[in-house]
């Protein structure tokens, strides 16, 4: 068994497994570090299963199912399934500081990615950090995130910025991380998880604005405030909200984001005019 260490959003974590497993993690290479101390969490990857557990909740995550539960001893369990077939079982100790992923041999790389995303989201929830389901771009030293339900057009709108606006760079196309700093400012970070678009960049910049997208036969942008801003943020953040400790940590971060970051709703067409309208409104 070998170990590798990575830093994402200034959080250190460790992955332990056979060389054949660690060799699959090429998307984590930009985040690799020699630091060994103060890891937020560690994941050990082994073969085996099935793991017996009591089911609590089942979630459909874009073509795959994640079944959440717990063992009789109280350890959290997450089972990863594609088309009803199990890829692995993640068993986590209290506080999500240690996880063991038991692989079935099916969809190995996807199971490791899922396990690390879950551990990262859970372990960092009380540290002012959240993992978003969003597309993120940067422009003139600031980052902007596009939110919305699956199929709304987050990746499309990010691509329209890249194609039609000078100086725009893609930070992450599916799962950027956001961390609230000690001074209350929010920073967006690239991560090793970027959905169907391979964008694994170890970069960061202050969060300049958040845009909730919806499809429409016109382009119109309006400012979100209060509960509207909070609701937009909550719907796009990953987390185990039936765990009170994690829910409290997420709530504190979500409140800070809704109160401190400009948020907008863009009803739009998938065209260049939508990108120009959005940029001219929020990137000021």
C-alpha atoms as a PDB file:
ATOM      1  CA  UNK A   1       0.000   0.000   0.000  1.00  0.00           C
ATOM      2  CA  UNK A   2       1.277   3.455  -0.959  1.00  0.00           C
ATOM      3  CA  UNK A   3       0.159   6.915   0.132  1.00  0.00           C
ATOM      4  CA  UNK A   4      -0.282  10.148  -1.793  1.00  0.00           C
ATOM      5  CA  UNK A   5      -1.170  13.576  -0.366  1.00  0.00           C
ATOM      6  CA  UNK A   6      -3.175  16.327  -2.009  1.00  0.00           C
ATOM      7  CA  UNK A   7      -4.342  19.862  -1.160  1.00  0.00           C
ATOM      8  CA  UNK A   8      -7.708  21.156  -2.418  1.00  0.00           C
ATOM      9  CA  UNK A   9      -9.101  24.518  -1.233  1.00  0.00           C
ATOM     10  CA  UNK A  10      -6.200  24.610   1.261  1.00  0.00           C
ATOM     11  CA  UNK A  11      -7.357  21.314   2.835  1.00  0.00           C
ATOM     12  CA  UNK A  12      -4.837  18.469   2.980  1.00  0.00           C
ATOM     13  CA  UNK A  13      -5.984  14.879   2.477  1.00  0.00           C
ATOM     14  CA  UNK A  14      -4.381  11.479   1.985  1.00  0.00           C
ATOM     15  CA  UNK A  15      -5.194   8.529  -0.295  1.00  0.00           C
ATOM     16  CA  UNK A  16      -3.765   5.093   0.492  1.00  0.00           C
ATOM     17  CA  UNK A  17      -3.979   2.162  -1.889  1.00  0.00           C
ATOM     18  CA  UNK A  18      -2.196  -0.088  -4.339  1.00  0.00           C
ATOM     19  CA  UNK A  19      -0.055   1.509  -7.059  1.00  0.00           C
ATOM     20  CA  UNK A  20      -2.614   0.367  -9.639  1.00  0.00           C
ATOM     21  CA  UNK A  21      -5.282   2.479  -7.896  1.00  0.00           C
ATOM     22  CA  UNK A  22      -3.138   5.564  -7.254  1.00  0.00           C
ATOM     23  CA  UNK A  23      -2.005   5.460 -10.868  1.00  0.00           C
ATOM     24  CA  UNK A  24      -5.579   6.135 -11.971  1.00  0.00           C
ATOM     25  CA  UNK A  25      -5.713   9.470 -10.140  1.00  0.00           C
ATOM     26  CA  UNK A  26      -4.213  11.629 -12.876  1.00  0.00           C
ATOM     27  CA  UNK A  27      -6.815  14.351 -12.302  1.00  0.00           C
ATOM     28  CA  UNK A  28      -5.346  14.827  -8.805  1.00  0.00           C
ATOM     29  CA  UNK A  29      -1.778  15.419 -10.030  1.00  0.00           C
ATOM     30  CA  UNK A  30      -2.014  19.258 -10.037  1.00  0.00           C
ATOM     31  CA  UNK A  31      -3.032  19.073  -6.350  1.00  0.00           C
ATOM     32  CA  UNK A  32      -0.276  16.712  -5.196  1.00  0.00           C
ATOM     33  CA  UNK A  33       1.891  17.851  -2.287  1.00  0.00           C
ATOM     34  CA  UNK A  34       4.773  16.592  -0.141  1.00  0.00           C
ATOM     35  CA  UNK A  35       3.076  17.878   3.017  1.00  0.00           C
ATOM     36  CA  UNK A  36       2.269  15.084   5.463  1.00  0.00           C
ATOM     37  CA  UNK A  37       0.886  16.784   8.576  1.00  0.00           C
ATOM     38  CA  UNK A  38      -2.577  17.984   9.580  1.00  0.00           C
ATOM     39  CA  UNK A  39      -4.608  16.042   7.009  1.00  0.00           C
ATOM     40  CA  UNK A  40      -8.304  16.874   7.073  1.00  0.00           C
ATOM     41  CA  UNK A  41      -9.149  13.279   6.161  1.00  0.00           C
ATOM     42  CA  UNK A  42      -7.671  10.101   4.711  1.00  0.00           C
ATOM     43  CA  UNK A  43      -9.102   7.450   2.389  1.00  0.00           C
ATOM     44  CA  UNK A  44      -7.910   3.849   2.245  1.00  0.00           C
ATOM     45  CA  UNK A  45      -8.884   1.931  -0.909  1.00  0.00           C
ATOM     46  CA  UNK A  46      -9.207  -1.869  -0.694  1.00  0.00           C
ATOM     47  CA  UNK A  47     -10.985  -4.665  -2.530  1.00  0.00           C
ATOM     48  CA  UNK A  48     -13.902  -6.530  -1.018  1.00  0.00           C
ATOM     49  CA  UNK A  49     -17.519  -6.387   0.014  1.00  0.00           C
ATOM     50  CA  UNK A  50     -20.410  -6.396   0.199  1.00  0.00           C
ATOM     51  CA  UNK A  51     -20.782  -4.199   3.292  1.00  0.00           C
ATOM     52  CA  UNK A  52     -23.914  -4.745   5.380  1.00  0.00           C
ATOM     53  CA  UNK A  53     -25.675  -1.553   6.447  1.00  0.00           C
ATOM     54  CA  UNK A  54     -29.033   0.026   7.250  1.00  0.00           C
ATOM     55  CA  UNK A  55     -30.289   2.263   4.435  1.00  0.00           C
ATOM     56  CA  UNK A  56     -31.266   5.865   5.294  1.00  0.00           C
ATOM     57  CA  UNK A  57     -31.594   7.678   1.975  1.00  0.00           C
ATOM     58  CA  UNK A  58     -31.154   7.054  -1.745  1.00  0.00           C
ATOM     59  CA  UNK A  59     -30.071   9.830  -4.091  1.00  0.00           C
ATOM     60  CA  UNK A  60     -30.027   9.926  -7.900  1.00  0.00           C
ATOM     61  CA  UNK A  61     -26.946  11.829  -9.021  1.00  0.00           C
ATOM     62  CA  UNK A  62     -27.049  12.239 -12.815  1.00  0.00           C
ATOM     63  CA  UNK A  63     -27.337   8.624 -13.897  1.00  0.00           C
ATOM     64  CA  UNK A  64     -25.969   6.980 -10.809  1.00  0.00           C
ATOM     65  CA  UNK A  65     -27.447   6.135  -7.411  1.00  0.00           C
ATOM     66  CA  UNK A  66     -25.782   6.847  -4.083  1.00  0.00           C
ATOM     67  CA  UNK A  67     -27.342   4.956  -1.185  1.00  0.00           C
ATOM     68  CA  UNK A  68     -26.621   6.437   2.245  1.00  0.00           C
ATOM     69  CA  UNK A  69     -26.852   4.475   5.483  1.00  0.00           C
ATOM     70  CA  UNK A  70     -24.999   3.280   8.562  1.00  0.00           C
ATOM     71  CA  UNK A  71     -23.599   0.086  10.019  1.00  0.00           C
ATOM     72  CA  UNK A  72     -24.844  -1.421  13.276  1.00  0.00           C
ATOM     73  CA  UNK A  73     -21.799   0.163  14.899  1.00  0.00           C
ATOM     74  CA  UNK A  74     -22.867   3.619  13.684  1.00  0.00           C
ATOM     75  CA  UNK A  75     -20.313   4.197  10.916  1.00  0.00           C
ATOM     76  CA  UNK A  76     -21.670   6.057   7.881  1.00  0.00           C
ATOM     77  CA  UNK A  77     -21.901   4.043   4.645  1.00  0.00           C
ATOM     78  CA  UNK A  78     -22.292   5.200   1.040  1.00  0.00           C
ATOM     79  CA  UNK A  79     -22.920   2.637  -1.701  1.00  0.00           C
ATOM     80  CA  UNK A  80     -22.222   3.716  -5.299  1.00  0.00           C
ATOM     81  CA  UNK A  81     -24.325   2.146  -8.062  1.00  0.00           C
ATOM     82  CA  UNK A  82     -24.450   2.521 -11.839  1.00  0.00           C
ATOM     83  CA  UNK A  83     -27.479   0.955 -13.563  1.00  0.00           C
ATOM     84  CA  UNK A  84     -28.136  -0.995 -10.388  1.00  0.00           C
ATOM     85  CA  UNK A  85     -24.625  -2.456 -10.218  1.00  0.00           C
ATOM     86  CA  UNK A  86     -22.440  -1.668  -7.196  1.00  0.00           C
ATOM     87  CA  UNK A  87     -19.031  -0.064  -7.763  1.00  0.00           C
ATOM     88  CA  UNK A  88     -18.064   0.199  -4.090  1.00  0.00           C
ATOM     89  CA  UNK A  89     -18.965   0.904  -0.476  1.00  0.00           C
ATOM     90  CA  UNK A  90     -17.466   3.841   1.425  1.00  0.00           C
ATOM     91  CA  UNK A  91     -17.395   3.347   5.214  1.00  0.00           C
ATOM     92  CA  UNK A  92     -16.599   6.460   7.267  1.00  0.00           C
ATOM     93  CA  UNK A  93     -15.708   6.964  10.903  1.00  0.00           C
ATOM     94  CA  UNK A  94     -17.332   9.690  13.003  1.00  0.00           C
ATOM     95  CA  UNK A  95     -16.379  13.159  11.839  1.00  0.00           C
ATOM     96  CA  UNK A  96     -15.423  11.823   8.384  1.00  0.00           C
ATOM     97  CA  UNK A  97     -11.718  11.969   9.215  1.00  0.00           C
ATOM     98  CA  UNK A  98     -11.152   8.412   7.982  1.00  0.00           C
ATOM     99  CA  UNK A  99     -12.842   6.454   5.204  1.00  0.00           C
ATOM    100  CA  UNK A 100     -12.356   3.023   3.702  1.00  0.00           C
ATOM    101  CA  UNK A 101     -13.552   2.376   0.167  1.00  0.00           C
ATOM    102  CA  UNK A 102     -14.320  -1.288  -0.559  1.00  0.00           C
ATOM    103  CA  UNK A 103     -14.172  -1.784  -4.333  1.00  0.00           C
ATOM    104  CA  UNK A 104     -16.249  -4.337  -6.251  1.00  0.00           C
ATOM    105  CA  UNK A 105     -14.025  -4.119  -9.342  1.00  0.00           C
ATOM    106  CA  UNK A 106     -16.659  -2.238 -11.385  1.00  0.00           C
ATOM    107  CA  UNK A 107     -16.247   1.486 -12.231  1.00  0.00           C
ATOM    108  CA  UNK A 108     -13.164   1.680 -10.010  1.00  0.00           C
ATOM    109  CA  UNK A 109     -12.036   5.212 -10.904  1.00  0.00           C
ATOM    110  CA  UNK A 110     -15.552   6.658 -10.551  1.00  0.00           C
ATOM    111  CA  UNK A 111     -15.958   4.994  -7.149  1.00  0.00           C
ATOM    112  CA  UNK A 112     -12.689   6.526  -5.885  1.00  0.00           C
ATOM    113  CA  UNK A 113     -13.693   9.969  -7.173  1.00  0.00           C
ATOM    114  CA  UNK A 114     -17.101   9.705  -5.492  1.00  0.00           C
ATOM    115  CA  UNK A 115     -15.568   8.582  -2.217  1.00  0.00           C
ATOM    116  CA  UNK A 116     -13.104  11.482  -2.177  1.00  0.00           C
ATOM    117  CA  UNK A 117     -15.774  14.035  -3.078  1.00  0.00           C
ATOM    118  CA  UNK A 118     -18.011  12.805  -0.257  1.00  0.00           C
ATOM    119  CA  UNK A 119     -15.211  12.784   2.301  1.00  0.00           C
ATOM    120  CA  UNK A 120     -14.082  16.243   1.221  1.00  0.00           C
ATOM    121  CA  UNK A 121     -17.609  17.696   1.400  1.00  0.00           C
ATOM    122  CA  UNK A 122     -18.358  16.119   4.793  1.00  0.00           C
ATOM    123  CA  UNK A 123     -15.016  16.686   6.488  1.00  0.00           C
ATOM    124  CA  UNK A 124     -14.750  20.339   5.381  1.00  0.00           C
ATOM    125  CA  UNK A 125     -18.377  21.316   6.101  1.00  0.00           C
ATOM    126  CA  UNK A 126     -17.500  22.775   9.505  1.00  0.00           C
ATOM    127  CA  UNK A 127     -14.450  24.620   8.146  1.00  0.00           C
ATOM    128  CA  UNK A 128     -16.254  27.241   6.080  1.00  0.00           C
ATOM    129  CA  UNK A 129     -15.914  25.152   2.906  1.00  0.00           C
ATOM    130  CA  UNK A 130     -18.560  23.866   0.497  1.00  0.00           C
ATOM    131  CA  UNK A 131     -18.442  21.845  -2.706  1.00  0.00           C
ATOM    132  CA  UNK A 132     -20.742  23.306  -5.359  1.00  0.00           C
ATOM    133  CA  UNK A 133     -22.505  21.719  -8.300  1.00  0.00           C
ATOM    134  CA  UNK A 134     -21.690  24.584 -10.659  1.00  0.00           C
ATOM    135  CA  UNK A 135     -19.526  25.843 -13.496  1.00  0.00           C
ATOM    136  CA  UNK A 136     -16.914  28.456 -12.560  1.00  0.00           C
ATOM    137  CA  UNK A 137     -14.981  30.917 -14.712  1.00  0.00           C
ATOM    138  CA  UNK A 138     -12.479  33.657 -13.918  1.00  0.00           C
ATOM    139  CA  UNK A 139     -12.135  37.142 -15.372  1.00  0.00           C
ATOM    140  CA  UNK A 140      -9.921  40.052 -14.307  1.00  0.00           C
ATOM    141  CA  UNK A 141      -8.864  38.408 -11.058  1.00  0.00           C
ATOM    142  CA  UNK A 142     -12.335  37.364  -9.902  1.00  0.00           C
ATOM    143  CA  UNK A 143     -14.373  34.183 -10.267  1.00  0.00           C
ATOM    144  CA  UNK A 144     -18.014  33.786 -11.232  1.00  0.00           C
ATOM    145  CA  UNK A 145     -20.175  30.699 -10.729  1.00  0.00           C
ATOM    146  CA  UNK A 146     -23.181  29.522 -12.724  1.00  0.00           C
ATOM    147  CA  UNK A 147     -25.759  27.425 -10.869  1.00  0.00           C
ATOM    148  CA  UNK A 148     -28.886  25.549 -11.892  1.00  0.00           C
ATOM    149  CA  UNK A 149     -30.536  22.166 -12.138  1.00  0.00           C
ATOM    150  CA  UNK A 150     -28.965  19.497 -14.318  1.00  0.00           C
ATOM    151  CA  UNK A 151     -29.583  20.336 -17.966  1.00  0.00           C
ATOM    152  CA  UNK A 152     -30.165  24.033 -17.309  1.00  0.00           C
ATOM    153  CA  UNK A 153     -27.073  25.058 -19.246  1.00  0.00           C
ATOM    154  CA  UNK A 154     -24.303  25.781 -16.718  1.00  0.00           C
ATOM    155  CA  UNK A 155     -21.571  24.366 -18.939  1.00  0.00           C
ATOM    156  CA  UNK A 156     -23.115  25.968 -22.019  1.00  0.00           C
ATOM    157  CA  UNK A 157     -23.165  29.417 -20.430  1.00  0.00           C
ATOM    158  CA  UNK A 158     -19.581  29.032 -19.214  1.00  0.00           C
ATOM    159  CA  UNK A 159     -18.593  28.063 -22.760  1.00  0.00           C
ATOM    160  CA  UNK A 160     -20.374  31.152 -24.128  1.00  0.00           C
ATOM    161  CA  UNK A 161     -18.264  33.323 -21.829  1.00  0.00           C
ATOM    162  CA  UNK A 162     -15.107  31.582 -23.070  1.00  0.00           C
ATOM    163  CA  UNK A 163     -16.083  31.975 -26.731  1.00  0.00           C
ATOM    164  CA  UNK A 164     -17.360  35.556 -26.668  1.00  0.00           C
ATOM    165  CA  UNK A 165     -15.552  37.433 -23.896  1.00  0.00           C
ATOM    166  CA  UNK A 166     -11.862  38.257 -23.814  1.00  0.00           C
ATOM    167  CA  UNK A 167      -9.760  37.185 -20.852  1.00  0.00           C
ATOM    168  CA  UNK A 168     -12.146  34.515 -19.523  1.00  0.00           C
ATOM    169  CA  UNK A 169     -10.732  31.212 -18.245  1.00  0.00           C
ATOM    170  CA  UNK A 170     -12.542  28.070 -17.124  1.00  0.00           C
ATOM    171  CA  UNK A 171     -11.804  27.192 -13.489  1.00  0.00           C
ATOM    172  CA  UNK A 172     -14.003  24.117 -13.134  1.00  0.00           C
ATOM    173  CA  UNK A 173     -16.993  22.796 -15.063  1.00  0.00           C
ATOM    174  CA  UNK A 174     -18.887  20.845 -12.416  1.00  0.00           C
ATOM    175  CA  UNK A 175     -17.599  20.863  -8.819  1.00  0.00           C
ATOM    176  CA  UNK A 176     -15.669  23.960  -7.718  1.00  0.00           C
ATOM    177  CA  UNK A 177     -15.038  24.454  -4.008  1.00  0.00           C
ATOM    178  CA  UNK A 178     -15.762  27.689  -2.148  1.00  0.00           C
ATOM    179  CA  UNK A 179     -14.164  28.624   1.153  1.00  0.00           C
ATOM    180  CA  UNK A 180     -15.014  31.509   3.473  1.00  0.00           C
ATOM    181  CA  UNK A 181     -11.776  33.073   4.722  1.00  0.00           C
ATOM    182  CA  UNK A 182     -11.201  34.458   8.222  1.00  0.00           C
ATOM    183  CA  UNK A 183     -11.970  37.994   6.986  1.00  0.00           C
ATOM    184  CA  UNK A 184     -15.348  36.851   5.632  1.00  0.00           C
ATOM    185  CA  UNK A 185     -14.416  36.919   1.951  1.00  0.00           C
ATOM    186  CA  UNK A 186     -15.294  33.980  -0.306  1.00  0.00           C
ATOM    187  CA  UNK A 187     -12.743  32.297  -2.561  1.00  0.00           C
ATOM    188  CA  UNK A 188     -13.377  29.813  -5.386  1.00  0.00           C
ATOM    189  CA  UNK A 189     -10.950  26.921  -5.922  1.00  0.00           C
ATOM    190  CA  UNK A 190     -10.449  24.498  -8.756  1.00  0.00           C
ATOM    191  CA  UNK A 191     -10.771  20.837  -7.775  1.00  0.00           C
ATOM    192  CA  UNK A 192      -9.927  17.378  -9.165  1.00  0.00           C
ATOM    193  CA  UNK A 193     -13.639  16.862  -9.900  1.00  0.00           C
ATOM    194  CA  UNK A 194     -15.017  18.467 -13.044  1.00  0.00           C
ATOM    195  CA  UNK A 195     -17.718  16.230 -14.509  1.00  0.00           C
ATOM    196  CA  UNK A 196     -17.592  15.535 -18.242  1.00  0.00           C
ATOM    197  CA  UNK A 197     -15.171  18.385 -18.978  1.00  0.00           C
ATOM    198  CA  UNK A 198     -11.579  17.616 -17.907  1.00  0.00           C
ATOM    199  CA  UNK A 199     -10.651  20.831 -16.100  1.00  0.00           C
ATOM    200  CA  UNK A 200      -8.464  20.006 -13.088  1.00  0.00           C
ATOM    201  CA  UNK A 201      -6.740  23.277 -12.234  1.00  0.00           C
ATOM    202  CA  UNK A 202      -5.098  24.106  -8.927  1.00  0.00           C
ATOM    203  CA  UNK A 203      -6.104  27.761  -9.022  1.00  0.00           C
ATOM    204  CA  UNK A 204      -8.207  30.144  -6.941  1.00  0.00           C
ATOM    205  CA  UNK A 205      -9.644  33.656  -6.999  1.00  0.00           C
ATOM    206  CA  UNK A 206     -12.115  35.767  -4.995  1.00  0.00           C
ATOM    207  CA  UNK A 207     -15.779  35.059  -5.723  1.00  0.00           C
ATOM    208  CA  UNK A 208     -17.195  38.057  -7.574  1.00  0.00           C
ATOM    209  CA  UNK A 209     -20.732  36.831  -8.170  1.00  0.00           C
ATOM    210  CA  UNK A 210     -23.110  33.883  -8.461  1.00  0.00           C
ATOM    211  CA  UNK A 211     -25.680  33.429 -11.241  1.00  0.00           C
ATOM    212  CA  UNK A 212     -28.672  31.083 -11.085  1.00  0.00           C
ATOM    213  CA  UNK A 213     -29.604  30.066 -14.635  1.00  0.00           C
ATOM    214  CA  UNK A 214     -32.930  29.127 -16.164  1.00  0.00           C
ATOM    215  CA  UNK A 215     -33.899  28.602 -19.792  1.00  0.00           C
ATOM    216  CA  UNK A 216     -36.153  31.182 -21.447  1.00  0.00           C
ATOM    217  CA  UNK A 217     -37.029  32.531 -24.918  1.00  0.00           C
ATOM    218  CA  UNK A 218     -35.352  35.836 -23.959  1.00  0.00           C
ATOM    219  CA  UNK A 219     -32.421  37.176 -21.938  1.00  0.00           C
ATOM    220  CA  UNK A 220     -33.166  38.907 -18.639  1.00  0.00           C
ATOM    221  CA  UNK A 221     -31.091  39.237 -15.469  1.00  0.00           C
ATOM    222  CA  UNK A 222     -32.358  40.269 -12.004  1.00  0.00           C
ATOM    223  CA  UNK A 223     -30.667  40.599  -8.619  1.00  0.00           C
ATOM    224  CA  UNK A 224     -31.415  38.011  -5.916  1.00  0.00           C
ATOM    225  CA  UNK A 225     -31.630  39.038  -2.281  1.00  0.00           C
ATOM    226  CA  UNK A 226     -32.613  37.498   1.041  1.00  0.00           C
ATOM    227  CA  UNK A 227     -34.300  34.128   0.884  1.00  0.00           C
ATOM    228  CA  UNK A 228     -33.984  34.031  -2.903  1.00  0.00           C
ATOM    229  CA  UNK A 229     -30.191  34.246  -2.687  1.00  0.00           C
ATOM    230  CA  UNK A 230     -30.055  31.694   0.126  1.00  0.00           C
ATOM    231  CA  UNK A 231     -32.281  29.222  -1.731  1.00  0.00           C
ATOM    232  CA  UNK A 232     -30.153  29.485  -4.883  1.00  0.00           C
ATOM    233  CA  UNK A 233     -27.022  28.620  -2.916  1.00  0.00           C
ATOM    234  CA  UNK A 234     -28.481  25.766  -0.847  1.00  0.00           C
ATOM    235  CA  UNK A 235     -29.823  23.885  -3.871  1.00  0.00           C
ATOM    236  CA  UNK A 236     -26.342  23.691  -5.412  1.00  0.00           C
ATOM    237  CA  UNK A 237     -24.276  22.586  -2.395  1.00  0.00           C
ATOM    238  CA  UNK A 238     -23.418  18.990  -1.587  1.00  0.00           C
ATOM    239  CA  UNK A 239     -23.811  17.718   1.981  1.00  0.00           C
ATOM    240  CA  UNK A 240     -25.443  15.270   4.370  1.00  0.00           C
ATOM    241  CA  UNK A 241     -28.070  17.631   5.743  1.00  0.00           C
ATOM    242  CA  UNK A 242     -29.725  15.068   8.014  1.00  0.00           C
ATOM    243  CA  UNK A 243     -26.514  15.084  10.073  1.00  0.00           C
ATOM    244  CA  UNK A 244     -27.032  18.067  12.402  1.00  0.00           C
ATOM    245  CA  UNK A 245     -23.325  18.866  12.788  1.00  0.00           C
ATOM    246  CA  UNK A 246     -22.786  18.997   9.035  1.00  0.00           C
ATOM    247  CA  UNK A 247     -26.068  20.834   8.457  1.00  0.00           C
ATOM    248  CA  UNK A 248     -25.071  23.537  10.951  1.00  0.00           C
ATOM    249  CA  UNK A 249     -21.692  23.991   9.265  1.00  0.00           C
ATOM    250  CA  UNK A 250     -23.256  24.237   5.810  1.00  0.00           C
ATOM    251  CA  UNK A 251     -25.910  26.648   7.042  1.00  0.00           C
ATOM    252  CA  UNK A 252     -23.297  29.018   8.449  1.00  0.00           C
ATOM    253  CA  UNK A 253     -21.369  29.054   5.172  1.00  0.00           C
ATOM    254  CA  UNK A 254     -24.530  29.392   3.069  1.00  0.00           C
ATOM    255  CA  UNK A 255     -25.659  32.360   5.147  1.00  0.00           C
ATOM    256  CA  UNK A 256     -22.283  34.042   4.682  1.00  0.00           C
ATOM    257  CA  UNK A 257     -22.426  33.517   0.920  1.00  0.00           C
ATOM    258  CA  UNK A 258     -26.022  34.720   0.546  1.00  0.00           C
ATOM    259  CA  UNK A 259     -25.317  37.830   2.614  1.00  0.00           C
ATOM    260  CA  UNK A 260     -21.862  38.702   1.283  1.00  0.00           C
ATOM    261  CA  UNK A 261     -21.730  37.701  -2.399  1.00  0.00           C
ATOM    262  CA  UNK A 262     -23.772  39.383  -5.186  1.00  0.00           C
ATOM    263  CA  UNK A 263     -26.271  36.878  -6.619  1.00  0.00           C
ATOM    264  CA  UNK A 264     -28.373  37.037  -9.752  1.00  0.00           C
ATOM    265  CA  UNK A 265     -30.993  35.116 -11.713  1.00  0.00           C
ATOM    266  CA  UNK A 266     -30.415  34.924 -15.461  1.00  0.00           C
ATOM    267  CA  UNK A 267     -33.293  33.720 -17.622  1.00  0.00           C
ATOM    268  CA  UNK A 268     -31.653  33.218 -20.962  1.00  0.00           C
ATOM    269  CA  UNK A 269     -31.152  31.775 -24.382  1.00  0.00           C
ATOM    270  CA  UNK A 270     -27.961  29.827 -25.155  1.00  0.00           C
ATOM    271  CA  UNK A 271     -26.460  32.698 -27.157  1.00  0.00           C
ATOM    272  CA  UNK A 272     -23.678  35.279 -27.106  1.00  0.00           C
ATOM    273  CA  UNK A 273     -26.059  38.067 -26.049  1.00  0.00           C
ATOM    274  CA  UNK A 274     -26.777  36.190 -22.813  1.00  0.00           C
ATOM    275  CA  UNK A 275     -23.061  36.028 -22.023  1.00  0.00           C
ATOM    276  CA  UNK A 276     -22.571  39.732 -22.736  1.00  0.00           C
ATOM    277  CA  UNK A 277     -25.619  40.728 -20.657  1.00  0.00           C
ATOM    278  CA  UNK A 278     -24.481  38.590 -17.754  1.00  0.00           C
ATOM    279  CA  UNK A 279     -20.877  39.805 -17.819  1.00  0.00           C
ATOM    280  CA  UNK A 280     -21.824  43.481 -18.204  1.00  0.00           C
ATOM    281  CA  UNK A 281     -24.165  43.210 -15.204  1.00  0.00           C
ATOM    282  CA  UNK A 282     -22.152  41.173 -12.707  1.00  0.00           C
ATOM    283  CA  UNK A 283     -18.486  41.815 -13.602  1.00  0.00           C
ATOM    284  CA  UNK A 284     -18.337  45.479 -12.646  1.00  0.00           C
END
